[in-house]
Amino acid sequence: MDHGTWVSFALISAANIMTPGPAILNTVRRAAQLGFRRVQPIIYGNALGLVVAGALCAGGVAGFIMMSDILWHLFRWLGVGYLSWLGVKLLFKREALALPDVATHGVSGGKLFREGFLLAVTNPKAILFFVALFPQVMSPDQPVLPQSVILIGTFCAISIFSLSTYSTLAALLRARFLTERRYRNFRLFSGCLLLGFAGKLAREIR
């Protein structure tokens, strides 16, 4: 894999990553609720989920799953189920807006990390992206492992930068404009959007 190929992969990845989707929406919502510093576990949980997805693709496991209609459908429905669960939870579970001097109970770093990880690892579009791009950019004359590490590392670095940028903007808006009532409306709106993402994914399965 030469330098030009890597740059092309990075640009395509950036365009894919920075397009708003469930991970960005969830990170922005949490940053609006909790602030930039406390949302870091979601960002790195998402990155680990992408590492797992990329490793499965590089190792051929994802290709095996995609060749089996039953397994691929089950995996995609798992993604639908998780997005739906997050959306419904946002609609019906009350969450407080964290103030600088008030602790927000029930929102631990571990919980946020799992939230980001599961959103990434159950996202079939990440698998499809890796499966589509890896064969195009990897050189058959070079070892697979170092190329995979470079590509997955690049993708994750861009993802961390993207989510950090979005969460920084959300935290700045939070400090200036967000009130408890506005956060509640944003939470309900986010829940509807996540259900919309789940519905879109379900239609694509059919």
Protein backbone atom coordinates (compact mmCIF):
# COMPACT_ATOMS: atom_id res chain seq x y z
CA MET A 1 0.00 0.00 0.00
CA ASP A 2 1.60 3.23 -1.13
CA HIS A 3 1.20 6.72 0.34
CA GLY A 4 -1.30 7.88 -2.27
CA THR A 5 -3.56 4.89 -1.61
CA TRP A 6 -3.44 5.55 2.12
CA VAL A 7 -4.36 9.23 1.60
CA SER A 8 -7.31 8.20 -0.57
CA PHE A 9 -8.49 5.77 2.11
CA ALA A 10 -8.16 8.48 4.77
CA LEU A 11 -10.19 10.99 2.74
CA ILE A 12 -12.95 8.47 1.98
CA SER A 13 -12.99 7.44 5.63
CA ALA A 14 -13.26 11.06 6.79
CA ALA A 15 -16.22 11.68 4.50
CA ASN A 16 -17.92 8.54 5.81
CA ILE A 17 -17.15 9.18 9.47
CA MET A 18 -18.08 12.87 9.63
CA THR A 19 -21.49 12.31 8.05
CA PRO A 20 -23.92 12.46 11.00
CA GLY A 21 -25.18 9.06 12.11
CA PRO A 22 -26.10 7.24 15.35
CA ALA A 23 -22.61 7.48 16.90
CA ILE A 24 -22.35 11.23 16.31
CA LEU A 25 -25.92 11.83 17.46
CA ASN A 26 -25.40 9.86 20.67
CA THR A 27 -22.06 11.55 21.41
CA VAL A 28 -23.49 15.03 20.82
CA ARG A 29 -26.44 14.28 23.09
CA ARG A 30 -24.20 12.99 25.87
CA ALA A 31 -21.86 15.98 25.49
CA ALA A 32 -24.85 18.29 25.77
CA GLN A 33 -25.98 16.43 28.89
CA LEU A 34 -22.65 15.84 30.64
CA GLY A 35 -20.03 18.13 29.10
CA PHE A 36 -16.95 17.38 26.99
CA ARG A 37 -14.72 15.81 29.62
CA ARG A 38 -17.22 13.23 30.81
CA VAL A 39 -18.11 12.09 27.29
CA GLN A 40 -14.60 10.80 26.54
CA PRO A 41 -15.45 7.15 27.40
CA ILE A 42 -18.05 7.10 24.62
CA ILE A 43 -15.50 8.33 22.09
CA TYR A 44 -12.93 5.69 23.00
CA GLY A 45 -15.55 2.97 23.38
CA ASN A 46 -16.64 3.74 19.84
CA ALA A 47 -13.02 3.54 18.68
CA LEU A 48 -12.58 0.11 20.28
CA GLY A 49 -15.77 -1.08 18.60
CA LEU A 50 -14.36 0.04 15.25
CA VAL A 51 -11.11 -1.82 16.00
CA VAL A 52 -13.10 -5.00 16.62
CA ALA A 53 -15.15 -4.52 13.44
CA GLY A 54 -12.02 -3.80 11.39
CA ALA A 55 -10.20 -6.79 12.84
CA LEU A 56 -13.12 -9.07 11.98
CA CYS A 57 -13.04 -7.81 8.42
CA ALA A 58 -9.27 -8.13 8.08
CA GLY A 59 -9.42 -11.64 9.51
CA GLY A 60 -12.15 -12.72 7.11
CA VAL A 61 -14.74 -13.35 9.83
CA ALA A 62 -17.00 -10.55 8.61
CA GLY A 63 -16.84 -11.92 5.08
CA PHE A 64 -17.92 -15.32 6.37
CA ILE A 65 -20.85 -13.74 8.23
CA MET A 66 -21.90 -11.80 5.12
CA MET A 67 -21.83 -14.95 3.00
CA SER A 68 -24.38 -16.53 5.34
CA ASP A 69 -27.75 -14.88 4.80
CA ILE A 70 -28.99 -16.02 8.19
CA LEU A 71 -25.97 -14.77 10.15
CA TRP A 72 -25.84 -11.46 8.27
CA HIS A 73 -29.55 -10.84 8.81
CA LEU A 74 -29.20 -11.68 12.50
CA PHE A 75 -26.28 -9.28 12.83
CA ARG A 76 -28.14 -6.48 11.08
CA TRP A 77 -31.26 -7.06 13.19
CA LEU A 78 -29.04 -6.88 16.25
CA GLY A 79 -28.05 -3.38 15.14
CA VAL A 80 -31.71 -2.48 14.61
CA GLY A 81 -32.55 -3.78 18.07
CA TYR A 82 -29.82 -1.81 19.82
CA LEU A 83 -30.68 1.45 18.05
CA SER A 84 -34.36 0.91 18.85
CA TRP A 85 -33.58 0.21 22.50
CA LEU A 86 -31.52 3.41 22.77
CA GLY A 87 -34.25 5.42 21.06
CA VAL A 88 -37.06 4.09 23.26
CA LYS A 89 -34.94 4.63 26.37
CA LEU A 90 -34.43 8.28 25.44
CA LEU A 91 -38.15 8.76 24.94
CA PHE A 92 -39.27 7.24 28.23
CA LYS A 93 -36.36 7.43 30.69
CA ARG A 94 -35.80 10.77 32.36
CA GLU A 95 -32.22 12.03 32.34
CA ALA A 96 -30.98 15.08 34.20
CA LEU A 97 -28.82 17.77 32.69
CA ALA A 98 -25.51 17.64 34.56
CA LEU A 99 -24.55 20.96 36.09
CA PRO A 100 -20.90 21.75 36.90
CA ASP A 101 -21.47 21.37 40.65
CA VAL A 102 -24.02 18.55 40.55
CA ALA A 103 -23.23 14.87 40.01
CA THR A 104 -25.35 12.95 37.53
CA HIS A 105 -26.17 9.60 39.06
CA GLY A 106 -26.35 6.45 36.98
CA VAL A 107 -23.99 7.67 34.24
CA SER A 108 -20.65 6.01 34.95
CA GLY A 109 -17.63 6.01 32.67
CA GLY A 110 -18.04 2.27 32.16
CA LYS A 111 -21.65 2.69 31.07
CA LEU A 112 -20.69 5.38 28.58
CA PHE A 113 -17.81 3.27 27.26
CA ARG A 114 -20.13 0.29 26.67
CA GLU A 115 -22.65 2.59 25.00
CA GLY A 116 -20.07 3.81 22.48
CA PHE A 117 -18.61 0.35 21.96
CA LEU A 118 -21.95 -1.33 21.28
CA LEU A 119 -23.04 1.40 18.88
CA ALA A 120 -19.90 0.86 16.81
CA VAL A 121 -19.66 -2.92 16.93
CA THR A 122 -23.34 -3.48 16.05
CA ASN A 123 -23.26 -1.05 13.13
CA PRO A 124 -23.42 -3.11 9.91
CA LYS A 125 -22.43 -0.08 7.84
CA ALA A 126 -18.98 -0.08 9.46
CA ILE A 127 -18.56 -3.73 8.50
CA LEU A 128 -19.71 -3.01 4.95
CA PHE A 129 -17.31 -0.08 4.68
CA PHE A 130 -14.31 -2.14 5.76
CA VAL A 131 -15.26 -5.10 3.58
CA ALA A 132 -15.68 -2.83 0.54
CA LEU A 133 -12.51 -0.75 1.03
CA PHE A 134 -9.91 -3.14 2.43
CA PRO A 135 -9.55 -5.23 -0.76
CA GLN A 136 -9.29 -2.05 -2.83
CA VAL A 137 -6.46 -0.45 -0.87
CA MET A 138 -4.46 -3.40 0.48
CA SER A 139 -1.51 -4.54 -1.61
CA PRO A 140 -1.51 -8.32 -2.21
CA ASP A 141 2.30 -8.22 -2.29
CA GLN A 142 2.56 -7.00 1.31
CA PRO A 143 1.62 -8.68 4.63
CA VAL A 144 -2.01 -8.23 5.65
CA LEU A 145 -1.40 -7.54 9.35
CA PRO A 146 0.64 -4.30 9.13
CA GLN A 147 -1.63 -2.94 6.42
CA SER A 148 -4.69 -3.74 8.54
CA VAL A 149 -3.18 -2.02 11.56
CA ILE A 150 -2.48 1.13 9.50
CA LEU A 151 -5.96 1.23 7.95
CA ILE A 152 -7.87 0.47 11.15
CA GLY A 153 -5.68 2.89 13.12
CA THR A 154 -6.30 5.62 10.54
CA PHE A 155 -10.05 5.05 10.61
CA CYS A 156 -10.16 5.11 14.42
CA ALA A 157 -8.00 8.24 14.65
CA ILE A 158 -10.34 10.08 12.28
CA SER A 159 -13.33 8.83 14.27
CA ILE A 160 -11.84 10.07 17.55
CA PHE A 161 -11.10 13.47 15.98
CA SER A 162 -14.61 13.69 14.50
CA LEU A 163 -16.46 12.75 17.69
CA SER A 164 -14.19 15.02 19.75
CA THR A 165 -14.97 17.93 17.42
CA TYR A 166 -18.72 17.34 17.53
CA SER A 167 -18.70 16.88 21.31
CA THR A 168 -16.64 20.06 21.80
CA LEU A 169 -19.18 22.07 19.81
CA ALA A 170 -22.05 20.46 21.73
CA ALA A 171 -20.39 21.23 25.06
CA LEU A 172 -19.85 24.87 24.06
CA LEU A 173 -23.51 25.22 23.10
CA ARG A 174 -24.46 23.51 26.35
CA ALA A 175 -22.54 26.05 28.40
CA ARG A 176 -24.19 28.99 26.65
CA PHE A 177 -27.72 27.98 25.77
CA LEU A 178 -28.81 24.65 27.26
CA THR A 179 -31.42 24.50 30.00
CA GLU A 180 -33.18 21.51 31.56
CA ARG A 181 -36.20 22.05 29.33
CA ARG A 182 -34.14 22.40 26.15
CA TYR A 183 -32.15 19.28 26.99
CA ARG A 184 -35.39 17.35 27.51
CA ASN A 185 -36.62 18.41 24.06
CA PHE A 186 -33.25 17.53 22.52
CA ARG A 187 -33.32 14.14 24.26
CA LEU A 188 -36.77 13.36 22.85
CA PHE A 189 -35.67 14.54 19.41
CA SER A 190 -32.58 12.32 19.63
CA GLY A 191 -34.72 9.35 20.60
CA CYS A 192 -36.93 9.87 17.56
CA LEU A 193 -33.88 10.16 15.30
CA LEU A 194 -32.37 6.94 16.67
CA LEU A 195 -35.66 5.16 16.04
CA GLY A 196 -35.58 6.64 12.55
CA PHE A 197 -32.07 5.23 12.00
CA ALA A 198 -33.32 1.86 13.25
CA GLY A 199 -36.30 1.98 10.89
CA LYS A 200 -34.09 2.90 7.94
CA LEU A 201 -31.75 0.00 8.71
CA ALA A 202 -34.72 -2.37 9.05
CA ARG A 203 -36.06 -1.31 5.64
CA GLU A 204 -32.64 -1.91 4.08
CA ILE A 205 -32.62 -5.45 5.47
CA ARG A 206 -35.87 -6.21 3.68
